[in-house]
Amino acid sequence: MLLTEIPKDNILENVDRYCILLTGKPNYVGTDYWCEHTVGALRKDIESLGKPVDIISIIWKTDPAFGGNPVSTITGFLPISETHHQVWTDFVAVRDQLWDYQFEKQDDYIGKIPVKNELEQYLREQFDFADTFTAYYVDLYDIINRLRKEYNDDNIKNPGWQSQFYQLTEAYRLNPNMFDRYTQNSFILKLRYDNHFAVQSDLFGLEDNQWYPIIKYFASELHEHKFKLHPTELEIAARYPNILIENSFKHTGPPTFKNNSIIGGKQFWVSDLLFGFDGPGIKTFTENYEKWAKQDTNGYNRNFIKNENNSNIHPTPGYMMPEFTPHRHLTEFFFDYRYNIHFTPLSSRHILRDVDRLRPGDYDNHRQRWYNYTQEQIENLTKIYESIK
């Protein structure tokens, strides 16, 4: 894709407001690489937009120790190599120690390790180039306890990869006005904290050290249909919310688990790391996702938290990914709620899961840096890590 193919600025003339919506755990936040390739990339773009830009940061108010995949449950203290990623079961001792720090007993779901005030202050300073910065605090254990009551099931423990979506819907439940300012002409870019972007000189035809205009590009990809559709088509499209998703159709890597077929008229593979919404798009999602996920349909349960150990994700021999994954899950929601779905090639540099390969020594230490673990707890965890190497 060449720079000359990026839609012209007139597509963005009617955009009234931009928002960067940060979700998930603050993995890698504070590292030099994150400052350069997440904040730095966004800064260069935002400063040239000429329209109001909001940063919305959703923060776990206690360490969500057991939300996410098995690897992310034990990262955030010391470097974990790719080898250890492949044999993460070696870190059971780390997981067990964290469990002891989090819970006095197995079913005591109350967050014990609070976030430091310094995290919000640091994020405010990093994103001081935006027009507004708003932080919303939610707690994973509050979500789990609420869902236990709603489902009448005390065995619910871990939303897994759905945590990033429940974090967003919980923030909206507690703050129902948080997206009121956004319209059909707005652009909301939902990112994870550990999304990163890079100088794309080889891929996008840019000069060395020139940053790719991330927000301009994604916003124009979402809104360009207003300039390309026939008036009759546009009249239909205007009735529905809009979503921009990165797809794998033009992915440059091997097609290992990225099957582009549309399954059952409902599901297709997309990256779940980055989404672009207009105002109705983000509000439709936050208002309806949880009630949609509760519905049992077509022989499977959409909400994996209800039955996390048997949730239609049975591994198939010879395949890298389970049959029903986070990469297909939300596409069914978008079909059911009749989104206008717009596609863009994969443009982000994935997530900072193995940044130590890119910047030796710049590993993820977010839990030690941003959550109130005691020095004794950190020393004990360090001993366990060191014994595994």
Protein backbone atom coordinates (compact mmCIF):
# COMPACT_ATOMS: atom_id res chain seq x y z
CA MET A 1 0.00 0.00 0.00
CA LEU A 2 1.50 3.35 -1.06
CA LEU A 3 1.13 6.65 0.72
CA THR A 4 -0.60 8.11 -2.35
CA GLU A 5 -3.44 5.60 -1.88
CA ILE A 6 -4.42 6.98 1.53
CA PRO A 7 -7.79 8.78 1.17
CA LYS A 8 -7.57 12.55 0.85
CA ASP A 9 -8.26 14.90 3.76
CA ASN A 10 -11.66 15.87 2.36
CA ILE A 11 -13.00 12.54 3.63
CA LEU A 12 -12.19 13.75 7.15
CA GLU A 13 -13.58 17.28 6.82
CA ASN A 14 -16.89 16.24 8.40
CA VAL A 15 -15.32 14.27 11.27
CA ASP A 16 -16.38 16.24 14.34
CA ARG A 17 -14.39 14.49 17.07
CA TYR A 18 -11.80 11.78 17.61
CA CYS A 19 -11.30 9.44 20.56
CA ILE A 20 -8.52 7.02 21.50
CA LEU A 21 -10.09 4.40 23.77
CA LEU A 22 -7.48 2.46 25.78
CA THR A 23 -8.53 -0.90 27.24
CA GLY A 24 -7.00 -4.02 28.77
CA LYS A 25 -4.05 -4.39 31.10
CA PRO A 26 -1.32 -1.72 31.06
CA ASN A 27 1.18 -4.18 29.60
CA TYR A 28 4.51 -2.51 28.74
CA VAL A 29 3.19 0.93 29.72
CA GLY A 30 6.18 2.98 30.84
CA THR A 31 8.80 1.15 28.77
CA ASP A 32 10.87 3.15 26.30
CA TYR A 33 9.55 1.12 23.40
CA TRP A 34 5.91 1.80 24.39
CA CYS A 35 6.62 5.52 24.69
CA GLU A 36 8.10 5.62 21.19
CA HIS A 37 5.91 3.18 19.28
CA THR A 38 2.52 3.68 20.93
CA VAL A 39 2.39 7.18 22.42
CA GLY A 40 4.95 8.59 19.98
CA ALA A 41 3.09 7.31 16.93
CA LEU A 42 -0.25 8.63 18.17
CA ARG A 43 1.22 11.98 19.17
CA LYS A 44 2.54 12.75 15.70
CA ASP A 45 -0.85 11.94 14.19
CA ILE A 46 -3.09 13.66 16.73
CA GLU A 47 -1.18 16.94 16.55
CA SER A 48 -2.11 17.26 12.86
CA LEU A 49 -5.83 16.40 13.05
CA GLY A 50 -7.21 19.88 13.69
CA LYS A 51 -10.28 18.51 15.50
CA PRO A 52 -10.93 17.76 19.20
CA VAL A 53 -9.27 14.57 20.39
CA ASP A 54 -10.21 12.72 23.58
CA ILE A 55 -8.24 10.04 25.39
CA ILE A 56 -10.40 7.63 27.38
CA SER A 57 -8.39 5.32 29.61
CA ILE A 58 -10.11 2.39 31.31
CA ILE A 59 -8.01 1.19 34.25
CA TRP A 60 -8.29 -1.97 36.32
CA LYS A 61 -8.41 -0.61 39.87
CA THR A 62 -6.95 -3.83 41.26
CA ASP A 63 -4.59 -6.21 39.50
CA PRO A 64 -6.77 -8.54 37.39
CA ALA A 65 -4.38 -11.38 38.09
CA PHE A 66 -6.42 -14.08 36.39
CA GLY A 67 -8.03 -12.24 33.52
CA GLY A 68 -6.71 -12.99 30.06
CA ASN A 69 -4.85 -15.91 28.54
CA PRO A 70 -2.56 -18.26 30.50
CA VAL A 71 0.59 -16.35 29.53
CA SER A 72 -0.70 -12.90 30.49
CA THR A 73 -1.73 -14.17 33.92
CA ILE A 74 1.91 -14.41 34.99
CA THR A 75 3.65 -11.60 33.05
CA GLY A 76 4.44 -8.14 34.37
CA PHE A 77 7.37 -8.72 36.72
CA LEU A 78 10.43 -10.11 34.95
CA PRO A 79 11.36 -11.04 31.35
CA ILE A 80 9.69 -14.13 29.94
CA SER A 81 11.34 -15.50 26.83
CA GLU A 82 9.60 -16.92 23.76
CA THR A 83 10.68 -20.36 24.91
CA HIS A 84 8.83 -19.81 28.14
CA HIS A 85 5.80 -18.62 26.19
CA GLN A 86 5.75 -21.98 24.47
CA VAL A 87 6.02 -23.89 27.73
CA TRP A 88 4.08 -21.52 29.97
CA THR A 89 3.02 -24.43 32.16
CA ASP A 90 6.50 -24.16 33.69
CA PHE A 91 5.20 -21.05 35.43
CA VAL A 92 2.55 -22.79 37.49
CA ALA A 93 4.56 -21.90 40.61
CA VAL A 94 4.34 -18.21 39.71
CA ARG A 95 0.60 -18.49 39.14
CA ASP A 96 0.11 -20.27 42.44
CA GLN A 97 2.09 -17.63 44.32
CA LEU A 98 0.03 -14.86 42.72
CA TRP A 99 -3.11 -16.72 43.71
CA ASP A 100 -1.97 -16.68 47.33
CA TYR A 101 -1.37 -12.93 47.13
CA GLN A 102 -4.77 -12.27 45.57
CA PHE A 103 -7.09 -14.46 47.60
CA GLU A 104 -7.30 -15.55 51.20
CA LYS A 105 -9.37 -18.49 50.01
CA GLN A 106 -10.24 -19.81 46.57
CA ASP A 107 -13.71 -18.28 46.30
CA ASP A 108 -12.80 -14.92 47.84
CA TYR A 109 -13.05 -12.76 44.71
CA ILE A 110 -11.95 -9.38 46.04
CA GLY A 111 -9.05 -7.54 44.44
CA LYS A 112 -6.21 -7.36 46.94
CA ILE A 113 -3.53 -5.49 44.95
CA PRO A 114 -4.68 -1.92 44.16
CA VAL A 115 -3.40 0.16 41.26
CA LYS A 116 -1.03 3.01 42.06
CA ASN A 117 -2.24 6.59 41.61
CA GLU A 118 0.89 7.16 39.57
CA LEU A 119 -0.51 5.21 36.60
CA GLU A 120 -3.28 7.69 35.81
CA GLN A 121 -0.92 10.62 36.35
CA TYR A 122 1.67 9.06 34.05
CA LEU A 123 -0.91 8.46 31.32
CA ARG A 124 -2.15 12.04 31.62
CA GLU A 125 1.39 13.29 31.13
CA GLN A 126 2.07 11.00 28.19
CA PHE A 127 -1.13 12.04 26.39
CA ASP A 128 -0.96 15.73 27.27
CA PHE A 129 -1.23 16.58 23.56
CA ALA A 130 -4.92 15.50 23.51
CA ASP A 131 -7.74 17.92 24.25
CA THR A 132 -9.19 15.83 27.09
CA PHE A 133 -8.09 12.85 29.18
CA THR A 134 -10.63 10.85 31.17
CA ALA A 135 -9.91 7.78 33.31
CA TYR A 136 -12.60 5.29 34.31
CA TYR A 137 -11.87 2.64 36.94
CA VAL A 138 -13.42 -0.82 36.96
CA ASP A 139 -12.59 -3.99 38.87
CA LEU A 140 -12.41 -7.47 37.38
CA TYR A 141 -13.60 -9.03 40.62
CA ASP A 142 -16.65 -6.76 40.76
CA ILE A 143 -17.51 -7.95 37.25
CA ILE A 144 -17.10 -11.61 38.21
CA ASN A 145 -19.19 -11.24 41.35
CA ARG A 146 -21.92 -9.45 39.39
CA LEU A 147 -21.95 -12.16 36.72
CA ARG A 148 -22.08 -14.87 39.37
CA LYS A 149 -25.31 -13.34 40.63
CA GLU A 150 -26.74 -12.81 37.14
CA TYR A 151 -26.00 -16.40 36.12
CA ASN A 152 -26.62 -17.87 39.59
CA ASP A 153 -23.28 -19.64 39.23
CA ASP A 154 -20.53 -19.27 41.84
CA ASN A 155 -18.11 -21.28 39.69
CA ILE A 156 -17.48 -18.34 37.33
CA LYS A 157 -13.85 -17.35 37.76
CA ASN A 158 -12.15 -15.98 34.64
CA PRO A 159 -13.58 -14.25 31.54
CA GLY A 160 -10.32 -15.06 29.72
CA TRP A 161 -9.91 -13.11 26.50
CA GLN A 162 -13.39 -11.62 26.98
CA SER A 163 -12.02 -9.52 29.85
CA GLN A 164 -11.22 -6.60 27.54
CA PHE A 165 -14.87 -6.48 26.41
CA TYR A 166 -16.33 -6.85 29.91
CA GLN A 167 -13.99 -4.11 31.07
CA LEU A 168 -15.51 -1.79 28.47
CA THR A 169 -19.14 -2.74 29.14
CA GLU A 170 -18.60 -2.39 32.89
CA ALA A 171 -17.17 1.10 32.45
CA TYR A 172 -20.23 2.01 30.38
CA ARG A 173 -22.60 0.46 32.92
CA LEU A 174 -21.08 2.64 35.64
CA ASN A 175 -20.77 5.73 33.40
CA PRO A 176 -23.64 5.60 30.88
CA ASN A 177 -22.88 9.08 29.53
CA MET A 178 -19.28 8.38 28.61
CA PHE A 179 -19.94 8.24 24.85
CA ASP A 180 -22.77 10.80 24.57
CA ARG A 181 -20.64 13.37 22.74
CA TYR A 182 -19.92 11.08 19.80
CA THR A 183 -22.03 11.15 16.63
CA GLN A 184 -22.18 9.44 13.25
CA ASN A 185 -19.40 11.80 12.21
CA SER A 186 -17.08 10.87 15.09
CA PHE A 187 -14.26 8.34 15.09
CA ILE A 188 -13.41 6.20 18.12
CA LEU A 189 -10.31 4.01 17.86
CA LYS A 190 -10.39 1.22 20.45
CA LEU A 191 -6.88 0.05 21.25
CA ARG A 192 -5.26 -2.16 23.83
CA TYR A 193 -2.59 -0.47 25.91
CA ASP A 194 -0.03 -2.79 24.34
CA ASN A 195 -0.90 -2.06 20.70
CA HIS A 196 2.16 -0.65 19.01
CA PHE A 197 2.90 1.00 15.69
CA ALA A 198 6.14 1.46 13.84
CA VAL A 199 7.91 3.32 11.08
CA GLN A 200 6.44 1.63 8.01
CA SER A 201 8.97 2.76 5.40
CA ASP A 202 8.98 -0.53 3.52
CA LEU A 203 5.23 -1.28 3.68
CA PHE A 204 3.69 2.13 3.14
CA GLY A 205 6.23 3.91 0.96
CA LEU A 206 7.30 6.37 3.64
CA GLU A 207 10.70 7.90 4.09
CA ASP A 208 12.88 6.64 6.93
CA ASN A 209 11.79 7.94 10.34
CA GLN A 210 8.45 9.20 8.96
CA TRP A 211 5.45 8.05 10.97
CA TYR A 212 2.45 6.48 9.34
CA PRO A 213 -0.71 8.62 9.94
CA ILE A 214 -2.56 6.00 11.97
CA ILE A 215 -5.70 7.82 13.07
CA LYS A 216 -6.18 9.72 9.83
CA TYR A 217 -5.91 6.50 7.90
CA PHE A 218 -8.30 4.48 10.07
CA ALA A 219 -10.81 7.32 10.34
CA SER A 220 -10.87 7.79 6.57
CA GLU A 221 -11.28 4.03 6.09
CA LEU A 222 -14.37 4.12 8.32
CA HIS A 223 -15.94 7.18 6.73
CA GLU A 224 -15.01 6.82 3.06
CA HIS A 225 -18.20 4.85 2.30
CA LYS A 226 -20.07 8.15 2.60
CA PHE A 227 -18.25 9.28 -0.53
CA LYS A 228 -18.38 6.01 -2.48
CA LEU A 229 -21.84 4.54 -1.99
CA HIS A 230 -24.72 5.23 -4.33
CA PRO A 231 -27.19 7.67 -2.67
CA THR A 232 -29.75 4.88 -2.26
CA GLU A 233 -27.15 2.65 -0.60
CA LEU A 234 -26.00 5.50 1.59
CA GLU A 235 -29.57 6.09 2.76
CA ILE A 236 -29.69 2.48 3.94
CA ALA A 237 -26.23 2.60 5.52
CA ALA A 238 -27.11 5.75 7.47
CA ARG A 239 -29.63 3.76 9.54
CA TYR A 240 -26.98 1.51 11.10
CA PRO A 241 -23.85 1.75 13.28
CA ASN A 242 -20.38 1.52 11.75
CA ILE A 243 -17.40 -0.66 12.61
CA LEU A 244 -13.90 -0.75 11.08
CA ILE A 245 -12.00 -3.99 11.51
CA GLU A 246 -8.60 -5.21 10.49
CA ASN A 247 -8.93 -8.34 8.41
CA SER A 248 -6.57 -11.05 7.25
CA PHE A 249 -7.41 -10.95 3.55
CA LYS A 250 -4.21 -9.07 2.75
CA HIS A 251 -2.14 -10.26 5.66
CA THR A 252 1.52 -10.55 4.67
CA GLY A 253 2.37 -13.41 7.03
CA PRO A 254 1.63 -17.13 6.67
CA PRO A 255 -2.12 -17.95 6.70
CA THR A 256 -1.69 -20.47 9.54
CA PHE A 257 -5.03 -20.09 11.34
CA LYS A 258 -6.60 -17.17 9.46
CA ASN A 259 -9.38 -18.78 7.45
CA ASN A 260 -11.27 -16.10 5.53
CA SER A 261 -14.46 -18.11 5.04
CA ILE A 262 -17.72 -16.70 6.44
CA ILE A 263 -19.09 -19.48 8.64
CA GLY A 264 -22.86 -19.94 8.91
CA GLY A 265 -23.45 -16.46 7.54
CA LYS A 266 -22.24 -15.17 10.91
CA GLN A 267 -18.52 -15.51 11.56
CA PHE A 268 -15.25 -14.65 9.87
CA TRP A 269 -11.70 -14.10 11.12
CA VAL A 270 -10.66 -10.62 12.27
CA SER A 271 -7.98 -9.20 14.51
CA ASP A 272 -9.44 -8.48 17.96
CA LEU A 273 -6.73 -5.99 18.91
CA LEU A 274 -8.04 -2.86 17.23
CA PHE A 275 -11.49 -1.60 16.21
CA GLY A 276 -12.74 1.69 14.82
CA PHE A 277 -16.28 2.88 15.65
CA ASP A 278 -18.49 5.84 14.98
CA GLY A 279 -20.63 7.14 17.87
CA PRO A 280 -23.59 4.80 17.29
CA GLY A 281 -21.16 1.93 16.77
CA ILE A 282 -19.48 2.20 20.19
CA LYS A 283 -22.79 2.81 21.97
CA THR A 284 -24.50 -0.15 20.28
CA PHE A 285 -21.67 -2.39 21.42
CA THR A 286 -21.44 -1.22 25.04
CA GLU A 287 -25.23 -1.23 25.50
CA ASN A 288 -25.89 -4.67 24.02
CA TYR A 289 -22.82 -6.91 24.20
CA GLU A 290 -23.50 -8.52 27.58
CA LYS A 291 -27.15 -9.35 26.94
CA TRP A 292 -26.23 -10.68 23.49
CA ALA A 293 -23.48 -12.86 24.96
CA LYS A 294 -25.93 -14.50 27.37
CA GLN A 295 -28.05 -15.99 24.62
CA ASP A 296 -27.58 -19.67 23.82
CA THR A 297 -27.97 -20.19 20.11
CA ASN A 298 -27.11 -22.68 17.38
CA GLY A 299 -25.91 -25.23 19.89
CA TYR A 300 -23.22 -23.12 21.54
CA ASN A 301 -23.02 -20.50 24.23
CA ARG A 302 -21.72 -17.12 23.08
CA ASN A 303 -20.62 -16.20 26.59
CA PHE A 304 -17.56 -18.23 27.48
CA ILE A 305 -17.50 -16.93 31.03
CA LYS A 306 -20.55 -19.07 31.77
CA ASN A 307 -18.66 -22.25 31.04
CA GLU A 308 -15.03 -21.34 30.60
CA ASN A 309 -13.69 -24.90 30.45
CA ASN A 310 -16.10 -26.13 27.78
CA SER A 311 -16.88 -23.20 25.55
CA ASN A 312 -16.76 -24.38 21.96
CA ILE A 313 -13.01 -23.85 21.77
CA HIS A 314 -11.99 -27.47 21.41
CA PRO A 315 -8.50 -27.67 19.88
CA THR A 316 -8.37 -29.61 16.62
CA PRO A 317 -5.23 -31.67 15.85
CA GLY A 318 -3.11 -29.98 13.22
CA TYR A 319 -4.57 -26.50 13.76
CA MET A 320 -3.00 -23.68 15.74
CA MET A 321 -6.25 -22.08 16.92
CA PRO A 322 -9.46 -23.46 18.46
CA GLU A 323 -12.64 -23.61 16.40
CA PHE A 324 -14.42 -20.64 17.98
CA THR A 325 -11.97 -17.96 18.95
CA PRO A 326 -11.90 -14.30 19.95
CA HIS A 327 -11.08 -13.60 16.31
CA ARG A 328 -14.54 -14.81 15.20
CA HIS A 329 -16.62 -14.08 18.29
CA LEU A 330 -17.44 -10.40 17.73
CA THR A 331 -18.19 -10.71 14.03
CA GLU A 332 -21.40 -12.51 14.93
CA PHE A 333 -22.38 -9.58 17.15
CA PHE A 334 -21.75 -7.17 14.27
CA PHE A 335 -23.98 -9.23 11.98
CA ASP A 336 -26.76 -9.54 14.56
CA TYR A 337 -26.82 -5.78 15.20
CA ARG A 338 -26.63 -4.97 11.50
CA TYR A 339 -23.43 -2.96 11.54
CA ASN A 340 -22.03 -1.49 8.38
CA ILE A 341 -18.75 -3.44 8.40
CA HIS A 342 -15.72 -1.76 6.81
CA PHE A 343 -12.41 -3.55 6.26
CA THR A 344 -8.83 -2.37 6.35
CA PRO A 345 -5.62 -4.42 5.96
CA LEU A 346 -3.70 -5.24 9.12
CA SER A 347 -1.82 -2.04 9.90
CA SER A 348 -0.82 -2.18 13.56
CA ARG A 349 2.31 -3.96 14.72
CA HIS A 350 0.31 -6.46 16.76
CA ILE A 351 0.89 -6.24 20.53
CA LEU A 352 3.97 -5.88 22.70
CA ARG A 353 4.10 -9.49 23.76
CA ASP A 354 7.69 -10.13 22.69
CA VAL A 355 9.13 -6.63 22.63
CA ASP A 356 12.34 -7.86 24.29
CA ARG A 357 13.27 -9.23 20.86
CA LEU A 358 12.89 -5.72 19.41
CA ARG A 359 14.49 -3.79 22.27
CA PRO A 360 16.58 -6.06 24.51
CA GLY A 361 15.91 -5.37 28.17
CA ASP A 362 12.65 -3.48 27.53
CA TYR A 363 10.37 -6.14 29.01
CA ASP A 364 6.90 -5.93 30.49
CA ASN A 365 7.02 -5.02 34.19
CA HIS A 366 3.63 -3.32 34.49
CA ARG A 367 2.52 -5.15 37.61
CA GLN A 368 5.65 -4.28 39.51
CA ARG A 369 5.58 -0.72 38.17
CA TRP A 370 1.87 0.16 38.46
CA TYR A 371 0.35 -2.10 41.14
CA ASN A 372 1.01 -2.09 44.87
CA TYR A 373 2.87 -5.35 45.34
CA THR A 374 5.09 -5.26 48.40
CA GLN A 375 8.84 -5.57 48.11
CA GLU A 376 8.65 -8.94 49.85
CA GLN A 377 6.10 -10.20 47.34
CA ILE A 378 8.25 -9.03 44.43
CA GLU A 379 11.34 -10.70 45.89
CA ASN A 380 9.47 -13.98 46.35
CA LEU A 381 8.20 -13.89 42.77
CA THR A 382 11.69 -13.05 41.53
CA LYS A 383 13.10 -16.13 43.22
CA ILE A 384 10.47 -18.29 41.55
CA TYR A 385 11.19 -16.76 38.12
CA GLU A 386 14.92 -17.25 38.56
CA SER A 387 14.51 -20.87 39.58
CA ILE A 388 12.67 -21.60 36.32
CA LYS A 389 15.30 -20.16 33.95
